[in-house]
PDB file of all heavy atoms in Angstrom:
ATOM      1  N   ARG A   1       0.829  -1.209   0.000  1.00  0.00           N
ATOM      2  CA  ARG A   1       0.000   0.000   0.000  1.00  0.00           C
ATOM      3  C   ARG A   1       0.867   1.264   0.000  1.00  0.00           C
ATOM      4  O   ARG A   1       0.571   2.227  -0.719  1.00  0.00           O
ATOM      5  CB  ARG A   1      -0.921  -0.006   1.226  1.00  0.00           C
ATOM      6  CG  ARG A   1      -1.838   1.213   1.302  1.00  0.00           C
ATOM      7  CD  ARG A   1      -2.606   1.231   2.607  1.00  0.00           C
ATOM      8  NE  ARG A   1      -3.444   2.420   2.720  1.00  0.00           N
ATOM      9  CZ  ARG A   1      -3.874   2.936   3.859  1.00  0.00           C
ATOM     10  NH1 ARG A   1      -3.568   2.336   5.010  1.00  0.00           N
ATOM     11  NH2 ARG A   1      -4.628   4.020   3.874  1.00  0.00           N
ATOM     12  N   LEU A   2       1.945   1.259   0.788  1.00  0.00           N
ATOM     13  CA  LEU A   2       2.822   2.430   0.810  1.00  0.00           C
ATOM     14  C   LEU A   2       3.503   2.635  -0.532  1.00  0.00           C
ATOM     15  O   LEU A   2       3.703   3.780  -0.966  1.00  0.00           O
ATOM     16  CB  LEU A   2       3.852   2.284   1.934  1.00  0.00           C
ATOM     17  CG  LEU A   2       3.500   2.951   3.273  1.00  0.00           C
ATOM     18  CD1 LEU A   2       3.425   4.464   3.119  1.00  0.00           C
ATOM     19  CD2 LEU A   2       2.197   2.434   3.846  1.00  0.00           C
ATOM     20  N   TRP A   3       3.832   1.540  -1.214  1.00  0.00           N
ATOM     21  CA  TRP A   3       4.374   1.679  -2.567  1.00  0.00           C
ATOM     22  C   TRP A   3       3.336   2.326  -3.477  1.00  0.00           C
ATOM     23  O   TRP A   3       3.648   3.261  -4.220  1.00  0.00           O
ATOM     24  CB  TRP A   3       4.785   0.312  -3.112  1.00  0.00           C
ATOM     25  CG  TRP A   3       5.085   0.288  -4.579  1.00  0.00           C
ATOM     26  CD1 TRP A   3       5.861   1.184  -5.268  1.00  0.00           C
ATOM     27  CD2 TRP A   3       4.592  -0.635  -5.544  1.00  0.00           C
ATOM     28  NE1 TRP A   3       5.893   0.843  -6.606  1.00  0.00           N
ATOM     29  CE2 TRP A   3       5.128  -0.269  -6.804  1.00  0.00           C
ATOM     30  CE3 TRP A   3       3.776  -1.777  -5.462  1.00  0.00           C
ATOM     31  CZ2 TRP A   3       4.847  -0.987  -7.972  1.00  0.00           C
ATOM     32  CZ3 TRP A   3       3.510  -2.479  -6.626  1.00  0.00           C
ATOM     33  CH2 TRP A   3       4.041  -2.083  -7.857  1.00  0.00           C
ATOM     34  N   HIS A   4       2.103   1.857  -3.433  1.00  0.00           N
ATOM     35  CA  HIS A   4       1.046   2.414  -4.275  1.00  0.00           C
ATOM     36  C   HIS A   4       0.838   3.902  -4.003  1.00  0.00           C
ATOM     37  O   HIS A   4       0.555   4.675  -4.923  1.00  0.00           O
ATOM     38  CB  HIS A   4      -0.259   1.661  -4.046  1.00  0.00           C
ATOM     39  CG  HIS A   4      -0.260   0.273  -4.612  1.00  0.00           C
ATOM     40  ND1 HIS A   4      -1.364  -0.549  -4.563  1.00  0.00           N
ATOM     41  CD2 HIS A   4       0.703  -0.443  -5.247  1.00  0.00           C
ATOM     42  CE1 HIS A   4      -1.078  -1.711  -5.138  1.00  0.00           C
ATOM     43  NE2 HIS A   4       0.161  -1.654  -5.560  1.00  0.00           N
ATOM     44  N   LEU A   5       0.968   4.320  -2.751  1.00  0.00           N
ATOM     45  CA  LEU A   5       0.757   5.718  -2.392  1.00  0.00           C
ATOM     46  C   LEU A   5       1.946   6.597  -2.773  1.00  0.00           C
ATOM     47  O   LEU A   5       1.766   7.749  -3.207  1.00  0.00           O
ATOM     48  CB  LEU A   5       0.499   5.832  -0.885  1.00  0.00           C
ATOM     49  CG  LEU A   5      -0.857   5.334  -0.384  1.00  0.00           C
ATOM     50  CD1 LEU A   5      -0.862   5.221   1.137  1.00  0.00           C
ATOM     51  CD2 LEU A   5      -1.982   6.263  -0.848  1.00  0.00           C
ATOM     52  N   LEU A   6       3.159   6.077  -2.608  1.00  0.00           N
ATOM     53  CA  LEU A   6       4.348   6.889  -2.837  1.00  0.00           C
ATOM     54  C   LEU A   6       4.779   6.931  -4.303  1.00  0.00           C
ATOM     55  O   LEU A   6       5.373   7.909  -4.743  1.00  0.00           O
ATOM     56  CB  LEU A   6       5.505   6.373  -1.976  1.00  0.00           C
ATOM     57  CG  LEU A   6       5.412   6.685  -0.488  1.00  0.00           C
ATOM     58  CD1 LEU A   6       6.457   5.897   0.291  1.00  0.00           C
ATOM     59  CD2 LEU A   6       5.579   8.179  -0.233  1.00  0.00           C
ATOM     60  N   GLU A   7       4.486   5.866  -5.043  1.00  0.00           N
ATOM     61  CA  GLU A   7       4.941   5.807  -6.435  1.00  0.00           C
ATOM     62  C   GLU A   7       4.478   7.015  -7.254  1.00  0.00           C
ATOM     63  O   GLU A   7       5.295   7.640  -7.951  1.00  0.00           O
ATOM     64  CB  GLU A   7       4.483   4.498  -7.085  1.00  0.00           C
ATOM     65  CG  GLU A   7       4.865   4.368  -8.547  1.00  0.00           C
ATOM     66  CD  GLU A   7       6.350   4.232  -8.779  1.00  0.00           C
ATOM     67  OE1 GLU A   7       7.048   3.702  -7.897  1.00  0.00           O
ATOM     68  OE2 GLU A   7       6.829   4.660  -9.846  1.00  0.00           O
ATOM     69  N   PRO A   8       3.192   7.409  -7.229  1.00  0.00           N
ATOM     70  CA  PRO A   8       2.798   8.589  -8.019  1.00  0.00           C
ATOM     71  C   PRO A   8       3.487   9.870  -7.550  1.00  0.00           C
ATOM     72  O   PRO A   8       3.775  10.744  -8.377  1.00  0.00           O
ATOM     73  CB  PRO A   8       1.275   8.666  -7.798  1.00  0.00           C
ATOM     74  CG  PRO A   8       0.880   7.277  -7.425  1.00  0.00           C
ATOM     75  CD  PRO A   8       2.021   6.749  -6.614  1.00  0.00           C
ATOM     76  N   LEU A   9       3.733   9.982  -6.244  1.00  0.00           N
ATOM     77  CA  LEU A   9       4.389  11.183  -5.729  1.00  0.00           C
ATOM     78  C   LEU A   9       5.815  11.291  -6.243  1.00  0.00           C
ATOM     79  O   LEU A   9       6.327  12.396  -6.446  1.00  0.00           O
ATOM     80  CB  LEU A   9       4.389  11.172  -4.197  1.00  0.00           C
ATOM     81  CG  LEU A   9       3.013  11.223  -3.533  1.00  0.00           C
ATOM     82  CD1 LEU A   9       3.145  11.191  -2.028  1.00  0.00           C
ATOM     83  CD2 LEU A   9       2.255  12.474  -3.964  1.00  0.00           C
ATOM     84  N   HIS A  10       6.457  10.155  -6.463  1.00  0.00           N
ATOM     85  CA  HIS A  10       7.782  10.160  -7.091  1.00  0.00           C
ATOM     86  C   HIS A  10       7.674  10.352  -8.596  1.00  0.00           C
ATOM     87  O   HIS A  10       8.334  11.205  -9.186  1.00  0.00           O
ATOM     88  CB  HIS A  10       8.507   8.844  -6.799  1.00  0.00           C
ATOM     89  CG  HIS A  10       9.558   8.524  -7.819  1.00  0.00           C
ATOM     90  ND1 HIS A  10      10.774   9.177  -7.862  1.00  0.00           N
ATOM     91  CD2 HIS A  10       9.559   7.640  -8.867  1.00  0.00           C
ATOM     92  CE1 HIS A  10      11.485   8.707  -8.877  1.00  0.00           C
ATOM     93  NE2 HIS A  10      10.773   7.782  -9.499  1.00  0.00           N
ATOM     94  N   ALA A  11       6.850   9.529  -9.249  1.00  0.00           N
ATOM     95  CA  ALA A  11       6.859   9.417 -10.713  1.00  0.00           C
ATOM     96  C   ALA A  11       6.383  10.663 -11.426  1.00  0.00           C
ATOM     97  O   ALA A  11       6.686  10.849 -12.614  1.00  0.00           O
ATOM     98  CB  ALA A  11       6.003   8.221 -11.140  1.00  0.00           C
ATOM     99  N   VAL A  12       5.667  11.544 -10.749  1.00  0.00           N
ATOM    100  CA  VAL A  12       5.172  12.752 -11.420  1.00  0.00           C
ATOM    101  C   VAL A  12       6.336  13.597 -11.930  1.00  0.00           C
ATOM    102  O   VAL A  12       6.165  14.404 -12.857  1.00  0.00           O
ATOM    103  CB  VAL A  12       4.251  13.553 -10.465  1.00  0.00           C
ATOM    104  CG1 VAL A  12       5.045  14.247  -9.359  1.00  0.00           C
ATOM    105  CG2 VAL A  12       3.409  14.563 -11.241  1.00  0.00           C
ATOM    106  N   VAL A  13       7.541  13.406 -11.389  1.00  0.00           N
ATOM    107  CA  VAL A  13       8.710  14.151 -11.864  1.00  0.00           C
ATOM    108  C   VAL A  13       8.987  13.890 -13.337  1.00  0.00           C
ATOM    109  O   VAL A  13       9.554  14.729 -14.026  1.00  0.00           O
ATOM    110  CB  VAL A  13       9.955  13.808 -11.003  1.00  0.00           C
ATOM    111  CG1 VAL A  13      10.466  12.401 -11.299  1.00  0.00           C
ATOM    112  CG2 VAL A  13      11.065  14.836 -11.199  1.00  0.00           C
ATOM    113  N   TYR A  14       8.562  12.740 -13.849  1.00  0.00           N
ATOM    114  CA  TYR A  14       8.824  12.392 -15.245  1.00  0.00           C
ATOM    115  C   TYR A  14       7.711  12.842 -16.191  1.00  0.00           C
ATOM    116  O   TYR A  14       7.796  12.602 -17.403  1.00  0.00           O
ATOM    117  CB  TYR A  14       9.022  10.879 -15.373  1.00  0.00           C
ATOM    118  CG  TYR A  14      10.096  10.353 -14.463  1.00  0.00           C
ATOM    119  CD1 TYR A  14       9.806   9.368 -13.518  1.00  0.00           C
ATOM    120  CD2 TYR A  14      11.392  10.852 -14.503  1.00  0.00           C
ATOM    121  CE1 TYR A  14      10.790   8.892 -12.659  1.00  0.00           C
ATOM    122  CE2 TYR A  14      12.373  10.395 -13.643  1.00  0.00           C
ATOM    123  CZ  TYR A  14      12.071   9.409 -12.718  1.00  0.00           C
ATOM    124  OH  TYR A  14      13.037   8.947 -11.863  1.00  0.00           O
ATOM    125  N   TYR A  15       6.683  13.500 -15.645  1.00  0.00           N
ATOM    126  CA  TYR A  15       5.535  13.910 -16.460  1.00  0.00           C
ATOM    127  C   TYR A  15       5.143  15.375 -16.273  1.00  0.00           C
ATOM    128  O   TYR A  15       4.425  15.924 -17.110  1.00  0.00           O
ATOM    129  CB  TYR A  15       4.312  13.046 -16.123  1.00  0.00           C
ATOM    130  CG  TYR A  15       4.490  11.585 -16.425  1.00  0.00           C
ATOM    131  CD1 TYR A  15       4.927  10.700 -15.450  1.00  0.00           C
ATOM    132  CD2 TYR A  15       4.225  11.071 -17.698  1.00  0.00           C
ATOM    133  CE1 TYR A  15       5.104   9.343 -15.718  1.00  0.00           C
ATOM    134  CE2 TYR A  15       4.392   9.723 -17.981  1.00  0.00           C
ATOM    135  CZ  TYR A  15       4.828   8.866 -16.984  1.00  0.00           C
ATOM    136  OH  TYR A  15       5.000   7.526 -17.257  1.00  0.00           O
ATOM    137  N   ALA A  16       5.551  15.988 -15.194  1.00  0.00           N
ATOM    138  CA  ALA A  16       5.094  17.341 -14.878  1.00  0.00           C
ATOM    139  C   ALA A  16       5.663  18.359 -15.867  1.00  0.00           C
ATOM    140  O   ALA A  16       6.868  18.343 -16.164  1.00  0.00           O
ATOM    141  CB  ALA A  16       5.505  17.717 -13.452  1.00  0.00           C
ATOM    142  N   PRO A  17       4.831  19.257 -16.381  1.00  0.00           N
ATOM    143  CA  PRO A  17       5.334  20.259 -17.329  1.00  0.00           C
ATOM    144  C   PRO A  17       6.420  21.140 -16.724  1.00  0.00           C
ATOM    145  O   PRO A  17       7.325  21.590 -17.431  1.00  0.00           O
ATOM    146  CB  PRO A  17       4.087  21.064 -17.697  1.00  0.00           C
ATOM    147  CG  PRO A  17       3.087  20.778 -16.616  1.00  0.00           C
ATOM    148  CD  PRO A  17       3.377  19.396 -16.145  1.00  0.00           C
ATOM    149  N   GLU A  18       6.345  21.370 -15.424  1.00  0.00           N
ATOM    150  CA  GLU A  18       7.358  22.211 -14.770  1.00  0.00           C
ATOM    151  C   GLU A  18       8.739  21.562 -14.841  1.00  0.00           C
ATOM    152  O   GLU A  18       9.755  22.250 -15.012  1.00  0.00           O
ATOM    153  CB  GLU A  18       6.971  22.464 -13.311  1.00  0.00           C
ATOM    154  CG  GLU A  18       5.692  23.262 -13.128  1.00  0.00           C
ATOM    155  CD  GLU A  18       4.417  22.416 -13.176  1.00  0.00           C
ATOM    156  OE1 GLU A  18       4.522  21.182 -13.398  1.00  0.00           O
ATOM    157  OE2 GLU A  18       3.328  22.979 -12.977  1.00  0.00           O
ATOM    158  N   VAL A  19       8.781  20.233 -14.715  1.00  0.00           N
ATOM    159  CA  VAL A  19      10.059  19.525 -14.813  1.00  0.00           C
ATOM    160  C   VAL A  19      10.549  19.520 -16.255  1.00  0.00           C
ATOM    161  O   VAL A  19      11.744  19.697 -16.526  1.00  0.00           O
ATOM    162  CB  VAL A  19       9.938  18.093 -14.257  1.00  0.00           C
ATOM    163  CG1 VAL A  19      11.281  17.375 -14.329  1.00  0.00           C
ATOM    164  CG2 VAL A  19       9.435  18.110 -12.821  1.00  0.00           C
ATOM    165  N   PHE A  20       9.619  19.320 -17.194  1.00  0.00           N
ATOM    166  CA  PHE A  20      10.005  19.388 -18.608  1.00  0.00           C
ATOM    167  C   PHE A  20      10.607  20.761 -18.944  1.00  0.00           C
ATOM    168  O   PHE A  20      11.588  20.857 -19.695  1.00  0.00           O
ATOM    169  CB  PHE A  20       8.792  19.134 -19.503  1.00  0.00           C
ATOM    170  CG  PHE A  20       8.403  17.690 -19.623  1.00  0.00           C
ATOM    171  CD1 PHE A  20       7.071  17.309 -19.565  1.00  0.00           C
ATOM    172  CD2 PHE A  20       9.359  16.698 -19.813  1.00  0.00           C
ATOM    173  CE1 PHE A  20       6.699  15.976 -19.687  1.00  0.00           C
ATOM    174  CE2 PHE A  20       8.999  15.363 -19.942  1.00  0.00           C
ATOM    175  CZ  PHE A  20       7.663  15.003 -19.877  1.00  0.00           C
ATOM    176  N   GLU A  21      10.043  21.812 -18.380  1.00  0.00           N
ATOM    177  CA  GLU A  21      10.569  23.152 -18.648  1.00  0.00           C
ATOM    178  C   GLU A  21      11.993  23.293 -18.122  1.00  0.00           C
ATOM    179  O   GLU A  21      12.859  23.895 -18.783  1.00  0.00           O
ATOM    180  CB  GLU A  21       9.658  24.206 -18.019  1.00  0.00           C
ATOM    181  CG  GLU A  21       8.317  24.357 -18.726  1.00  0.00           C
ATOM    182  CD  GLU A  21       7.346  25.229 -17.959  1.00  0.00           C
ATOM    183  OE1 GLU A  21       7.749  25.802 -16.921  1.00  0.00           O
ATOM    184  OE2 GLU A  21       6.182  25.329 -18.384  1.00  0.00           O
ATOM    185  N   GLU A  22      12.244  22.747 -16.938  1.00  0.00           N
ATOM    186  CA  GLU A  22      13.597  22.809 -16.379  1.00  0.00           C
ATOM    187  C   GLU A  22      14.570  21.986 -17.226  1.00  0.00           C
ATOM    188  O   GLU A  22      15.712  22.395 -17.456  1.00  0.00           O
ATOM    189  CB  GLU A  22      13.597  22.308 -14.932  1.00  0.00           C
ATOM    190  CG  GLU A  22      12.790  23.162 -13.965  1.00  0.00           C
ATOM    191  CD  GLU A  22      13.426  24.521 -13.693  1.00  0.00           C
ATOM    192  OE1 GLU A  22      14.622  24.704 -14.002  1.00  0.00           O
ATOM    193  OE2 GLU A  22      12.719  25.400 -13.153  1.00  0.00           O
ATOM    194  N   ALA A  23      14.116  20.821 -17.687  1.00  0.00           N
ATOM    195  CA  ALA A  23      14.974  19.985 -18.528  1.00  0.00           C
ATOM    196  C   ALA A  23      15.240  20.662 -19.871  1.00  0.00           C
ATOM    197  O   ALA A  23      16.366  20.624 -20.387  1.00  0.00           O
ATOM    198  CB  ALA A  23      14.327  18.617 -18.739  1.00  0.00           C
ATOM    199  N   ALA A  24      14.215  21.285 -20.437  1.00  0.00           N
ATOM    200  CA  ALA A  24      14.382  21.987 -21.712  1.00  0.00           C
ATOM    201  C   ALA A  24      15.358  23.147 -21.576  1.00  0.00           C
ATOM    202  O   ALA A  24      16.144  23.432 -22.494  1.00  0.00           O
ATOM    203  CB  ALA A  24      13.032  22.477 -22.221  1.00  0.00           C
ATOM    204  N   ALA A  25      15.318  23.818 -20.423  1.00  0.00           N
ATOM    205  CA  ALA A  25      16.235  24.934 -20.194  1.00  0.00           C
ATOM    206  C   ALA A  25      17.686  24.465 -20.178  1.00  0.00           C
ATOM    207  O   ALA A  25      18.597  25.241 -20.512  1.00  0.00           O
ATOM    208  CB  ALA A  25      15.892  25.639 -18.888  1.00  0.00           C
ATOM    209  N   LEU A  26      17.911  23.204 -19.805  1.00  0.00           N
ATOM    210  CA  LEU A  26      19.260  22.649 -19.852  1.00  0.00           C
ATOM    211  C   LEU A  26      19.665  22.241 -21.260  1.00  0.00           C
ATOM    212  O   LEU A  26      20.850  22.050 -21.537  1.00  0.00           O
ATOM    213  CB  LEU A  26      19.356  21.416 -18.943  1.00  0.00           C
ATOM    214  CG  LEU A  26      19.233  21.632 -17.431  1.00  0.00           C
ATOM    215  CD1 LEU A  26      19.333  20.300 -16.707  1.00  0.00           C
ATOM    216  CD2 LEU A  26      20.302  22.596 -16.915  1.00  0.00           C
ATOM    217  N   GLY A  27      18.679  22.080 -22.147  1.00  0.00           N
ATOM    218  CA  GLY A  27      18.967  21.710 -23.517  1.00  0.00           C
ATOM    219  C   GLY A  27      18.445  20.368 -23.958  1.00  0.00           C
ATOM    220  O   GLY A  27      18.715  19.926 -25.083  1.00  0.00           O
ATOM    221  N   TYR A  28      17.648  19.679 -23.092  1.00  0.00           N
ATOM    222  CA  TYR A  28      17.114  18.366 -23.466  1.00  0.00           C
ATOM    223  C   TYR A  28      15.853  18.522 -24.320  1.00  0.00           C
ATOM    224  O   TYR A  28      15.066  19.454 -24.138  1.00  0.00           O
ATOM    225  CB  TYR A  28      16.790  17.542 -22.213  1.00  0.00           C
ATOM    226  CG  TYR A  28      18.023  17.123 -21.459  1.00  0.00           C
ATOM    227  CD1 TYR A  28      18.415  17.800 -20.312  1.00  0.00           C
ATOM    228  CD2 TYR A  28      18.816  16.080 -21.916  1.00  0.00           C
ATOM    229  CE1 TYR A  28      19.567  17.446 -19.630  1.00  0.00           C
ATOM    230  CE2 TYR A  28      19.968  15.706 -21.234  1.00  0.00           C
ATOM    231  CZ  TYR A  28      20.344  16.405 -20.091  1.00  0.00           C
ATOM    232  OH  TYR A  28      21.490  16.045 -19.425  1.00  0.00           O
TER     233      TYR A  28
END
């Protein structure tokens, strides 16, 4: 259950537009 609850809180880093913007600013 803790895995199910924590996984989305971690994984959103790979989908959030704010993170994409930071990655794009680096040149990715």
